[in-house]
Amino acid sequence: MDEPLSQEFHVAYVFIKMANSPRPGVWVLERSIDNGETFQPWQFFADSIGDCESYFGRESLQPITRDDSATCETQYSKIVPLEGGEIVVSLLNNRPSANDFFNSTVLQEWTRATNVRFRLLRHKTFLGHLMSVARQDPTVTRRVEERERDVVTI
């Protein structure tokens, strides 16, 4: 479904809970302020600092110094948990004007959105050859089979 929210919102947090697959490997949380005509990155996600740099550039690794800087996060692309993983993105925390939102037009603009999307750049592989048979996780086979049926072309 690719419909606009039909109005403008100020988004402080985005909460994502995965179903029966791991969190994505490399992806971008994006927003539109023109009802989906164009999108801008809010937050980058990758497996490693190296992936952050190669996919999103060295500047994505810099600490937040502006209210409208998009940075790269690595903690939400880990393979564990294999399902039910949660991703909590705060669009306000650690911003210079976080404690003075109503007096920062830059931060107010940063949180404004008519559309939100997730652009998946690389899915998470299961690294089946590294999984221990001794763990005998019966859900691994089910997840692999379901993942192979639900291939997403980006």
C-alpha atoms as a PDB file:
ATOM      1  CA  MET A   1       0.000   0.000   0.000  1.00  0.00           C
ATOM      2  CA  ASP A   2       1.542   3.277  -1.095  1.00  0.00           C
ATOM      3  CA  GLU A   3      -0.878   5.953  -0.010  1.00  0.00           C
ATOM      4  CA  PRO A   4      -0.070   9.247   1.686  1.00  0.00           C
ATOM      5  CA  LEU A   5      -1.141   9.742   5.279  1.00  0.00           C
ATOM      6  CA  SER A   6      -3.545  12.351   3.838  1.00  0.00           C
ATOM      7  CA  GLN A   7      -2.186  14.981   6.147  1.00  0.00           C
ATOM      8  CA  GLU A   8       1.024  16.218   7.659  1.00  0.00           C
ATOM      9  CA  PHE A   9       2.376  14.813  10.925  1.00  0.00           C
ATOM     10  CA  HIS A  10       5.280  15.600  13.229  1.00  0.00           C
ATOM     11  CA  VAL A  11       6.903  12.253  14.003  1.00  0.00           C
ATOM     12  CA  ALA A  12       8.995  11.871  17.152  1.00  0.00           C
ATOM     13  CA  TYR A  13       9.462   8.067  17.144  1.00  0.00           C
ATOM     14  CA  VAL A  14       9.103   5.222  14.682  1.00  0.00           C
ATOM     15  CA  PHE A  15       8.609   1.759  16.187  1.00  0.00           C
ATOM     16  CA  ILE A  16       9.014  -1.321  13.978  1.00  0.00           C
ATOM     17  CA  LYS A  17       8.491  -4.915  15.111  1.00  0.00           C
ATOM     18  CA  MET A  18       9.601  -7.676  12.803  1.00  0.00           C
ATOM     19  CA  ALA A  19       7.387 -10.728  12.375  1.00  0.00           C
ATOM     20  CA  ASN A  20       9.020 -14.053  11.520  1.00  0.00           C
ATOM     21  CA  SER A  21      12.222 -12.777   9.946  1.00  0.00           C
ATOM     22  CA  PRO A  22      15.312 -10.969  11.160  1.00  0.00           C
ATOM     23  CA  ARG A  23      15.674  -7.220  10.919  1.00  0.00           C
ATOM     24  CA  PRO A  24      16.933  -5.994   7.509  1.00  0.00           C
ATOM     25  CA  GLY A  25      20.679  -5.771   6.894  1.00  0.00           C
ATOM     26  CA  VAL A  26      21.064  -2.410   5.144  1.00  0.00           C
ATOM     27  CA  TRP A  27      18.148  -0.030   4.813  1.00  0.00           C
ATOM     28  CA  VAL A  28      16.970   3.555   5.050  1.00  0.00           C
ATOM     29  CA  LEU A  29      14.070   5.079   6.954  1.00  0.00           C
ATOM     30  CA  GLU A  30      12.796   7.876   4.708  1.00  0.00           C
ATOM     31  CA  ARG A  31      10.153  10.570   4.829  1.00  0.00           C
ATOM     32  CA  SER A  32       8.286  12.667   2.321  1.00  0.00           C
ATOM     33  CA  ILE A  33       6.826  16.104   2.942  1.00  0.00           C
ATOM     34  CA  ASP A  34       5.167  16.353  -0.482  1.00  0.00           C
ATOM     35  CA  ASN A  35       2.749  13.396  -0.364  1.00  0.00           C
ATOM     36  CA  GLY A  36       5.256  10.872  -1.696  1.00  0.00           C
ATOM     37  CA  GLU A  37       6.642  12.782  -4.664  1.00  0.00           C
ATOM     38  CA  THR A  38      10.162  12.849  -3.194  1.00  0.00           C
ATOM     39  CA  PHE A  39      11.787  11.208  -0.177  1.00  0.00           C
ATOM     40  CA  GLN A  40      14.636  12.212   2.130  1.00  0.00           C
ATOM     41  CA  PRO A  41      16.528   9.960   4.570  1.00  0.00           C
ATOM     42  CA  TRP A  42      15.701  10.235   8.255  1.00  0.00           C
ATOM     43  CA  GLN A  43      18.009   7.445   9.435  1.00  0.00           C
ATOM     44  CA  PHE A  44      20.409   4.940   7.857  1.00  0.00           C
ATOM     45  CA  PHE A  45      20.873   1.357   9.099  1.00  0.00           C
ATOM     46  CA  ALA A  46      23.637  -1.132   8.318  1.00  0.00           C
ATOM     47  CA  ASP A  47      25.313  -4.266   9.667  1.00  0.00           C
ATOM     48  CA  SER A  48      28.649  -2.587  10.310  1.00  0.00           C
ATOM     49  CA  ILE A  49      30.477   0.722  10.321  1.00  0.00           C
ATOM     50  CA  GLY A  50      32.081  -0.340   7.040  1.00  0.00           C
ATOM     51  CA  ASP A  51      28.652  -0.846   5.474  1.00  0.00           C
ATOM     52  CA  CYS A  52      27.552   2.560   6.788  1.00  0.00           C
ATOM     53  CA  GLU A  53      30.500   4.179   5.058  1.00  0.00           C
ATOM     54  CA  SER A  54      30.221   2.260   1.782  1.00  0.00           C
ATOM     55  CA  TYR A  55      26.444   2.625   1.404  1.00  0.00           C
ATOM     56  CA  PHE A  56      25.831   6.064   2.933  1.00  0.00           C
ATOM     57  CA  GLY A  57      29.177   7.843   3.015  1.00  0.00           C
ATOM     58  CA  ARG A  58      31.622   8.786   5.744  1.00  0.00           C
ATOM     59  CA  GLU A  59      29.425  11.684   6.891  1.00  0.00           C
ATOM     60  CA  SER A  60      26.750   9.184   8.025  1.00  0.00           C
ATOM     61  CA  LEU A  61      29.158   8.097  10.786  1.00  0.00           C
ATOM     62  CA  GLN A  62      29.563  11.574  12.259  1.00  0.00           C
ATOM     63  CA  PRO A  63      27.893  12.345  15.594  1.00  0.00           C
ATOM     64  CA  ILE A  64      24.696  14.385  15.420  1.00  0.00           C
ATOM     65  CA  THR A  65      25.696  18.049  15.364  1.00  0.00           C
ATOM     66  CA  ARG A  66      22.682  19.480  13.522  1.00  0.00           C
ATOM     67  CA  ASP A  67      18.975  19.063  14.123  1.00  0.00           C
ATOM     68  CA  ASP A  68      18.555  17.706  10.593  1.00  0.00           C
ATOM     69  CA  SER A  69      21.478  15.310  10.166  1.00  0.00           C
ATOM     70  CA  ALA A  70      20.830  11.701   9.104  1.00  0.00           C
ATOM     71  CA  THR A  71      23.242   9.253  10.700  1.00  0.00           C
ATOM     72  CA  CYS A  72      23.911   5.533  10.386  1.00  0.00           C
ATOM     73  CA  GLU A  73      22.972   3.086  13.137  1.00  0.00           C
ATOM     74  CA  THR A  74      24.358  -0.460  13.400  1.00  0.00           C
ATOM     75  CA  GLN A  75      22.585  -1.858  16.452  1.00  0.00           C
ATOM     76  CA  TYR A  76      19.318  -2.634  14.624  1.00  0.00           C
ATOM     77  CA  SER A  77      20.762  -4.788  11.849  1.00  0.00           C
ATOM     78  CA  LYS A  78      22.038  -7.698  13.947  1.00  0.00           C
ATOM     79  CA  ILE A  79      20.890 -11.207  13.015  1.00  0.00           C
ATOM     80  CA  VAL A  80      19.668 -11.891  16.553  1.00  0.00           C
ATOM     81  CA  PRO A  81      16.833 -12.123  17.295  1.00  0.00           C
ATOM     82  CA  LEU A  82      15.856 -14.234  14.312  1.00  0.00           C
ATOM     83  CA  GLU A  83      12.253 -13.082  14.597  1.00  0.00           C
ATOM     84  CA  GLY A  84      10.277 -10.543  16.608  1.00  0.00           C
ATOM     85  CA  GLY A  85      13.123  -8.020  16.649  1.00  0.00           C
ATOM     86  CA  GLU A  86      12.223  -4.456  17.509  1.00  0.00           C
ATOM     87  CA  ILE A  87      13.575  -1.238  16.048  1.00  0.00           C
ATOM     88  CA  VAL A  88      12.932   2.023  17.891  1.00  0.00           C
ATOM     89  CA  VAL A  89      13.992   5.163  16.047  1.00  0.00           C
ATOM     90  CA  SER A  90      13.919   8.452  17.917  1.00  0.00           C
ATOM     91  CA  LEU A  91      13.940  11.423  15.585  1.00  0.00           C
ATOM     92  CA  LEU A  92      14.449  13.864  18.485  1.00  0.00           C
ATOM     93  CA  ASN A  93      16.884  12.300  20.957  1.00  0.00           C
ATOM     94  CA  ASN A  94      20.470  13.564  20.817  1.00  0.00           C
ATOM     95  CA  ARG A  95      19.521  16.501  18.573  1.00  0.00           C
ATOM     96  CA  PRO A  96      20.966  19.883  19.619  1.00  0.00           C
ATOM     97  CA  SER A  97      17.482  21.402  20.042  1.00  0.00           C
ATOM     98  CA  ALA A  98      15.759  18.327  21.489  1.00  0.00           C
ATOM     99  CA  ASN A  99      14.931  20.164  24.712  1.00  0.00           C
ATOM    100  CA  ASP A 100      13.744  23.259  22.843  1.00  0.00           C
ATOM    101  CA  PHE A 101      11.622  21.750  20.050  1.00  0.00           C
ATOM    102  CA  PHE A 102       9.100  24.592  19.815  1.00  0.00           C
ATOM    103  CA  ASN A 103      11.829  27.182  19.278  1.00  0.00           C
ATOM    104  CA  SER A 104      13.709  25.234  16.593  1.00  0.00           C
ATOM    105  CA  THR A 105      12.208  25.556  13.141  1.00  0.00           C
ATOM    106  CA  VAL A 106      14.904  23.207  11.800  1.00  0.00           C
ATOM    107  CA  LEU A 107      13.927  20.421  14.215  1.00  0.00           C
ATOM    108  CA  GLN A 108      10.234  21.013  13.611  1.00  0.00           C
ATOM    109  CA  GLU A 109      10.844  20.682   9.877  1.00  0.00           C
ATOM    110  CA  TRP A 110      12.979  17.546  10.478  1.00  0.00           C
ATOM    111  CA  THR A 111      10.052  15.737  12.127  1.00  0.00           C
ATOM    112  CA  ARG A 112       7.455  16.759   9.523  1.00  0.00           C
ATOM    113  CA  ALA A 113       6.135  14.024   7.190  1.00  0.00           C
ATOM    114  CA  THR A 114       3.244  13.132   4.926  1.00  0.00           C
ATOM    115  CA  ASN A 115       4.686   9.701   4.038  1.00  0.00           C
ATOM    116  CA  VAL A 116       7.127   7.310   5.709  1.00  0.00           C
ATOM    117  CA  ARG A 117       8.863   4.452   3.907  1.00  0.00           C
ATOM    118  CA  PHE A 118      11.532   1.818   4.446  1.00  0.00           C
ATOM    119  CA  ARG A 119      13.923   1.409   1.526  1.00  0.00           C
ATOM    120  CA  LEU A 120      15.561  -2.015   1.795  1.00  0.00           C
ATOM    121  CA  LEU A 121      19.019  -2.154   0.230  1.00  0.00           C
ATOM    122  CA  ARG A 122      20.263  -5.548   1.435  1.00  0.00           C
ATOM    123  CA  HIS A 123      18.343  -8.238   3.278  1.00  0.00           C
ATOM    124  CA  LYS A 124      19.790 -10.177   6.156  1.00  0.00           C
ATOM    125  CA  THR A 125      21.177 -13.575   5.230  1.00  0.00           C
ATOM    126  CA  PHE A 126      20.677 -16.440   7.616  1.00  0.00           C
ATOM    127  CA  LEU A 127      24.275 -17.655   7.478  1.00  0.00           C
ATOM    128  CA  GLY A 128      22.899 -21.169   7.733  1.00  0.00           C
ATOM    129  CA  HIS A 129      26.351 -22.686   7.482  1.00  0.00           C
ATOM    130  CA  LEU A 130      27.230 -20.978  10.784  1.00  0.00           C
ATOM    131  CA  MET A 131      24.116 -22.043  12.709  1.00  0.00           C
ATOM    132  CA  SER A 132      24.700 -24.765  15.235  1.00  0.00           C
ATOM    133  CA  VAL A 133      22.776 -27.978  14.614  1.00  0.00           C
ATOM    134  CA  ALA A 134      23.037 -28.591  18.348  1.00  0.00           C
ATOM    135  CA  ARG A 135      20.679 -25.633  18.988  1.00  0.00           C
ATOM    136  CA  GLN A 136      17.988 -27.510  17.033  1.00  0.00           C
ATOM    137  CA  ASP A 137      15.864 -24.449  16.353  1.00  0.00           C
ATOM    138  CA  PRO A 138      12.865 -25.819  14.380  1.00  0.00           C
ATOM    139  CA  THR A 139      11.850 -22.306  13.319  1.00  0.00           C
ATOM    140  CA  VAL A 140      14.994 -21.768  11.215  1.00  0.00           C
ATOM    141  CA  THR A 141      13.756 -23.952   8.358  1.00  0.00           C
ATOM    142  CA  ARG A 142      10.318 -22.322   8.429  1.00  0.00           C
ATOM    143  CA  ARG A 143      11.813 -18.828   8.306  1.00  0.00           C
ATOM    144  CA  VAL A 144      14.155 -19.697   5.425  1.00  0.00           C
ATOM    145  CA  GLU A 145      11.307 -21.236   3.428  1.00  0.00           C
ATOM    146  CA  GLU A 146       9.041 -18.227   4.052  1.00  0.00           C
ATOM    147  CA  ARG A 147      11.842 -15.764   3.206  1.00  0.00           C
ATOM    148  CA  GLU A 148      12.459 -17.513  -0.109  1.00  0.00           C
ATOM    149  CA  ARG A 149       8.734 -17.191  -0.999  1.00  0.00           C
ATOM    150  CA  ASP A 150       8.621 -13.495  -0.036  1.00  0.00           C
ATOM    151  CA  VAL A 151      11.398 -12.126  -2.216  1.00  0.00           C
ATOM    152  CA  VAL A 152      11.097  -8.356  -2.538  1.00  0.00           C
ATOM    153  CA  THR A 153      12.447  -6.629  -5.621  1.00  0.00           C
ATOM    154  CA  ILE A 154      13.758  -3.184  -4.866  1.00  0.00           C
END
